[in-house]
Amino acid sequence: MEQLIEILKSLHPEVDYETCDTLIEDNIIDSFDIVTLISEINDEFDVAIPADEIIPENFNSAQALWQLVERLLDD
């Protein structure tokens, strides 16, 4: 999870990713950020995020994104 937080902080260091659960809803991260996140997650964790998993619910918080990464790592 720490690695994921570091990736997120590289995009928007002012956000408290430990508590924020409205990253998409509040337009904190945008589509360009999502593309960057997908690429960084692929590089860092060696997982590919399938297109059907690129939904707001999976990117609205660091916790939701981490759960996605863990699920993909288990597959």
N, C-alpha and C. Protein backbone atom coordinates (compact mmCIF):
# COMPACT_ATOMS: atom_id res chain seq x y z
N MET A 1 0.83 -1.20 0.00
CA MET A 1 0.00 0.00 0.00
C MET A 1 0.86 1.26 0.00
N GLU A 2 1.99 1.22 0.71
CA GLU A 2 2.87 2.40 0.76
C GLU A 2 3.35 2.81 -0.62
N GLN A 3 3.67 1.80 -1.45
CA GLN A 3 4.12 2.11 -2.81
C GLN A 3 3.02 2.80 -3.60
N LEU A 4 1.79 2.34 -3.43
CA LEU A 4 0.66 2.95 -4.11
C LEU A 4 0.46 4.38 -3.65
N ILE A 5 0.54 4.63 -2.36
CA ILE A 5 0.41 5.99 -1.83
C ILE A 5 1.49 6.90 -2.43
N GLU A 6 2.69 6.39 -2.56
CA GLU A 6 3.78 7.18 -3.16
C GLU A 6 3.47 7.53 -4.61
N ILE A 7 2.91 6.59 -5.34
CA ILE A 7 2.52 6.86 -6.73
C ILE A 7 1.46 7.95 -6.77
N LEU A 8 0.46 7.83 -5.90
CA LEU A 8 -0.60 8.83 -5.84
C LEU A 8 -0.05 10.20 -5.44
N LYS A 9 0.85 10.23 -4.47
CA LYS A 9 1.42 11.50 -4.01
C LYS A 9 2.25 12.17 -5.10
N SER A 10 2.81 11.38 -6.00
CA SER A 10 3.57 11.98 -7.10
C SER A 10 2.65 12.74 -8.04
N LEU A 11 1.38 12.38 -8.05
CA LEU A 11 0.40 13.09 -8.89
C LEU A 11 -0.14 14.34 -8.20
N HIS A 12 -0.53 14.18 -6.93
CA HIS A 12 -1.14 15.28 -6.16
C HIS A 12 -0.67 15.19 -4.72
N PRO A 13 0.48 15.76 -4.41
CA PRO A 13 1.05 15.61 -3.06
C PRO A 13 0.22 16.26 -1.95
N GLU A 14 -0.68 17.15 -2.30
CA GLU A 14 -1.46 17.86 -1.28
C GLU A 14 -2.63 17.05 -0.73
N VAL A 15 -2.93 15.91 -1.32
CA VAL A 15 -4.10 15.11 -0.93
C VAL A 15 -3.73 14.13 0.18
N ASP A 16 -4.64 13.97 1.15
CA ASP A 16 -4.48 12.97 2.20
C ASP A 16 -5.12 11.68 1.71
N TYR A 17 -4.32 10.84 1.09
CA TYR A 17 -4.83 9.61 0.48
C TYR A 17 -5.26 8.57 1.51
N GLU A 18 -4.82 8.72 2.74
CA GLU A 18 -5.22 7.79 3.79
C GLU A 18 -6.70 7.92 4.13
N THR A 19 -7.25 9.12 3.98
CA THR A 19 -8.63 9.35 4.38
C THR A 19 -9.56 9.73 3.23
N CYS A 20 -9.04 10.21 2.14
CA CYS A 20 -9.88 10.68 1.03
C CYS A 20 -10.50 9.50 0.29
N ASP A 21 -11.83 9.54 0.16
CA ASP A 21 -12.51 8.49 -0.59
C ASP A 21 -13.41 9.07 -1.68
N THR A 22 -13.03 10.27 -2.14
CA THR A 22 -13.79 10.94 -3.19
C THR A 22 -12.86 11.47 -4.28
N LEU A 23 -11.84 10.71 -4.61
CA LEU A 23 -10.86 11.17 -5.60
C LEU A 23 -11.49 11.45 -6.95
N ILE A 24 -12.40 10.60 -7.38
CA ILE A 24 -13.08 10.80 -8.66
C ILE A 24 -14.23 11.79 -8.49
N GLU A 25 -15.05 11.57 -7.47
CA GLU A 25 -16.23 12.41 -7.24
C GLU A 25 -15.87 13.89 -7.11
N ASP A 26 -14.76 14.18 -6.46
CA ASP A 26 -14.36 15.57 -6.25
C ASP A 26 -13.37 16.06 -7.30
N ASN A 27 -13.21 15.29 -8.37
CA ASN A 27 -12.31 15.67 -9.47
C ASN A 27 -10.88 15.93 -9.03
N ILE A 28 -10.44 15.19 -8.02
CA ILE A 28 -9.05 15.32 -7.57
C ILE A 28 -8.13 14.65 -8.58
N ILE A 29 -8.55 13.48 -9.06
CA ILE A 29 -7.81 12.85 -10.15
C ILE A 29 -8.71 12.84 -11.39
N ASP A 30 -8.07 13.06 -12.54
CA ASP A 30 -8.81 13.11 -13.80
C ASP A 30 -8.39 11.95 -14.69
N SER A 31 -8.88 11.94 -15.90
CA SER A 31 -8.61 10.82 -16.81
C SER A 31 -7.12 10.69 -17.12
N PHE A 32 -6.42 11.80 -17.24
CA PHE A 32 -4.98 11.74 -17.47
C PHE A 32 -4.28 11.09 -16.27
N ASP A 33 -4.70 11.45 -15.07
CA ASP A 33 -4.13 10.84 -13.86
C ASP A 33 -4.39 9.34 -13.83
N ILE A 34 -5.57 8.94 -14.26
CA ILE A 34 -5.90 7.51 -14.27
C ILE A 34 -5.01 6.75 -15.23
N VAL A 35 -4.78 7.32 -16.41
CA VAL A 35 -3.87 6.68 -17.36
C VAL A 35 -2.47 6.56 -16.75
N THR A 36 -2.01 7.61 -16.10
CA THR A 36 -0.71 7.59 -15.44
C THR A 36 -0.68 6.53 -14.34
N LEU A 37 -1.73 6.48 -13.53
CA LEU A 37 -1.81 5.49 -12.46
C LEU A 37 -1.74 4.07 -13.00
N ILE A 38 -2.50 3.81 -14.06
CA ILE A 38 -2.50 2.47 -14.66
C ILE A 38 -1.10 2.08 -15.10
N SER A 39 -0.41 3.00 -15.72
CA SER A 39 0.96 2.73 -16.18
C SER A 39 1.91 2.51 -15.00
N GLU A 40 1.83 3.37 -14.00
CA GLU A 40 2.70 3.26 -12.83
C GLU A 40 2.43 1.97 -12.04
N ILE A 41 1.16 1.60 -11.91
CA ILE A 41 0.81 0.37 -11.20
C ILE A 41 1.33 -0.84 -11.98
N ASN A 42 1.21 -0.78 -13.29
CA ASN A 42 1.74 -1.87 -14.11
C ASN A 42 3.24 -2.02 -13.90
N ASP A 43 3.96 -0.90 -13.90
CA ASP A 43 5.42 -0.93 -13.71
C ASP A 43 5.79 -1.40 -12.30
N GLU A 44 5.11 -0.87 -11.30
CA GLU A 44 5.47 -1.14 -9.90
C GLU A 44 5.08 -2.54 -9.44
N PHE A 45 3.88 -2.98 -9.82
CA PHE A 45 3.34 -4.23 -9.30
C PHE A 45 3.26 -5.35 -10.34
N ASP A 46 3.60 -5.02 -11.59
CA ASP A 46 3.56 -5.98 -12.69
C ASP A 46 2.17 -6.59 -12.85
N VAL A 47 1.16 -5.74 -12.81
CA VAL A 47 -0.21 -6.16 -13.07
C VAL A 47 -0.81 -5.24 -14.13
N ALA A 48 -1.61 -5.82 -14.98
CA ALA A 48 -2.33 -5.04 -15.99
C ALA A 48 -3.77 -4.87 -15.53
N ILE A 49 -4.23 -3.64 -15.52
CA ILE A 49 -5.61 -3.36 -15.12
C ILE A 49 -6.47 -3.47 -16.38
N PRO A 50 -7.37 -4.47 -16.41
CA PRO A 50 -8.22 -4.63 -17.59
C PRO A 50 -9.21 -3.47 -17.74
N ALA A 51 -9.62 -3.24 -18.97
CA ALA A 51 -10.52 -2.12 -19.26
C ALA A 51 -11.80 -2.16 -18.44
N ASP A 52 -12.33 -3.36 -18.18
CA ASP A 52 -13.59 -3.44 -17.43
C ASP A 52 -13.42 -3.12 -15.95
N GLU A 53 -12.18 -2.98 -15.48
CA GLU A 53 -11.92 -2.59 -14.09
C GLU A 53 -11.65 -1.08 -13.95
N ILE A 54 -11.62 -0.38 -15.08
CA ILE A 54 -11.38 1.06 -15.05
C ILE A 54 -12.72 1.76 -14.87
N ILE A 55 -13.17 1.72 -13.63
CA ILE A 55 -14.45 2.31 -13.24
C ILE A 55 -14.21 3.22 -12.04
N PRO A 56 -15.05 4.23 -11.86
CA PRO A 56 -14.84 5.18 -10.76
C PRO A 56 -14.69 4.53 -9.39
N GLU A 57 -15.45 3.48 -9.12
CA GLU A 57 -15.41 2.84 -7.81
C GLU A 57 -14.01 2.32 -7.48
N ASN A 58 -13.26 1.91 -8.47
CA ASN A 58 -11.92 1.37 -8.24
C ASN A 58 -10.86 2.45 -8.09
N PHE A 59 -11.19 3.69 -8.43
CA PHE A 59 -10.21 4.78 -8.38
C PHE A 59 -10.62 5.90 -7.43
N ASN A 60 -11.70 5.72 -6.68
CA ASN A 60 -12.21 6.80 -5.83
C ASN A 60 -11.43 6.97 -4.53
N SER A 61 -10.66 5.94 -4.16
CA SER A 61 -9.83 6.05 -2.95
C SER A 61 -8.59 5.18 -3.11
N ALA A 62 -7.59 5.48 -2.32
CA ALA A 62 -6.37 4.67 -2.33
C ALA A 62 -6.70 3.25 -1.89
N GLN A 63 -7.60 3.11 -0.93
CA GLN A 63 -7.98 1.78 -0.44
C GLN A 63 -8.65 0.97 -1.53
N ALA A 64 -9.56 1.56 -2.27
CA ALA A 64 -10.24 0.85 -3.36
C ALA A 64 -9.25 0.46 -4.44
N LEU A 65 -8.33 1.35 -4.74
CA LEU A 65 -7.31 1.06 -5.75
C LEU A 65 -6.39 -0.06 -5.27
N TRP A 66 -6.03 -0.03 -4.00
CA TRP A 66 -5.18 -1.09 -3.44
C TRP A 66 -5.91 -2.44 -3.47
N GLN A 67 -7.19 -2.45 -3.18
CA GLN A 67 -7.96 -3.69 -3.26
C GLN A 67 -7.97 -4.24 -4.68
N LEU A 68 -8.06 -3.36 -5.66
CA LEU A 68 -8.00 -3.78 -7.05
C LEU A 68 -6.64 -4.41 -7.36
N VAL A 69 -5.57 -3.75 -6.94
CA VAL A 69 -4.22 -4.27 -7.18
C VAL A 69 -4.07 -5.64 -6.52
N GLU A 70 -4.50 -5.77 -5.28
CA GLU A 70 -4.40 -7.06 -4.59
C GLU A 70 -5.18 -8.15 -5.31
N ARG A 71 -6.36 -7.80 -5.79
CA ARG A 71 -7.19 -8.77 -6.52
C ARG A 71 -6.49 -9.22 -7.80
N LEU A 72 -5.88 -8.28 -8.49
CA LEU A 72 -5.18 -8.60 -9.73
C LEU A 72 -3.90 -9.40 -9.45
N LEU A 73 -3.25 -9.12 -8.34
CA LEU A 73 -2.05 -9.88 -7.98
C LEU A 73 -2.40 -11.34 -7.66
N ASP A 74 -3.59 -11.56 -7.11
CA ASP A 74 -4.01 -12.91 -6.75
C ASP A 74 -4.41 -13.74 -7.97
N ASP A 75 -4.76 -13.07 -9.06
CA ASP A 75 -5.18 -13.81 -10.27
C ASP A 75 -4.02 -14.42 -11.02
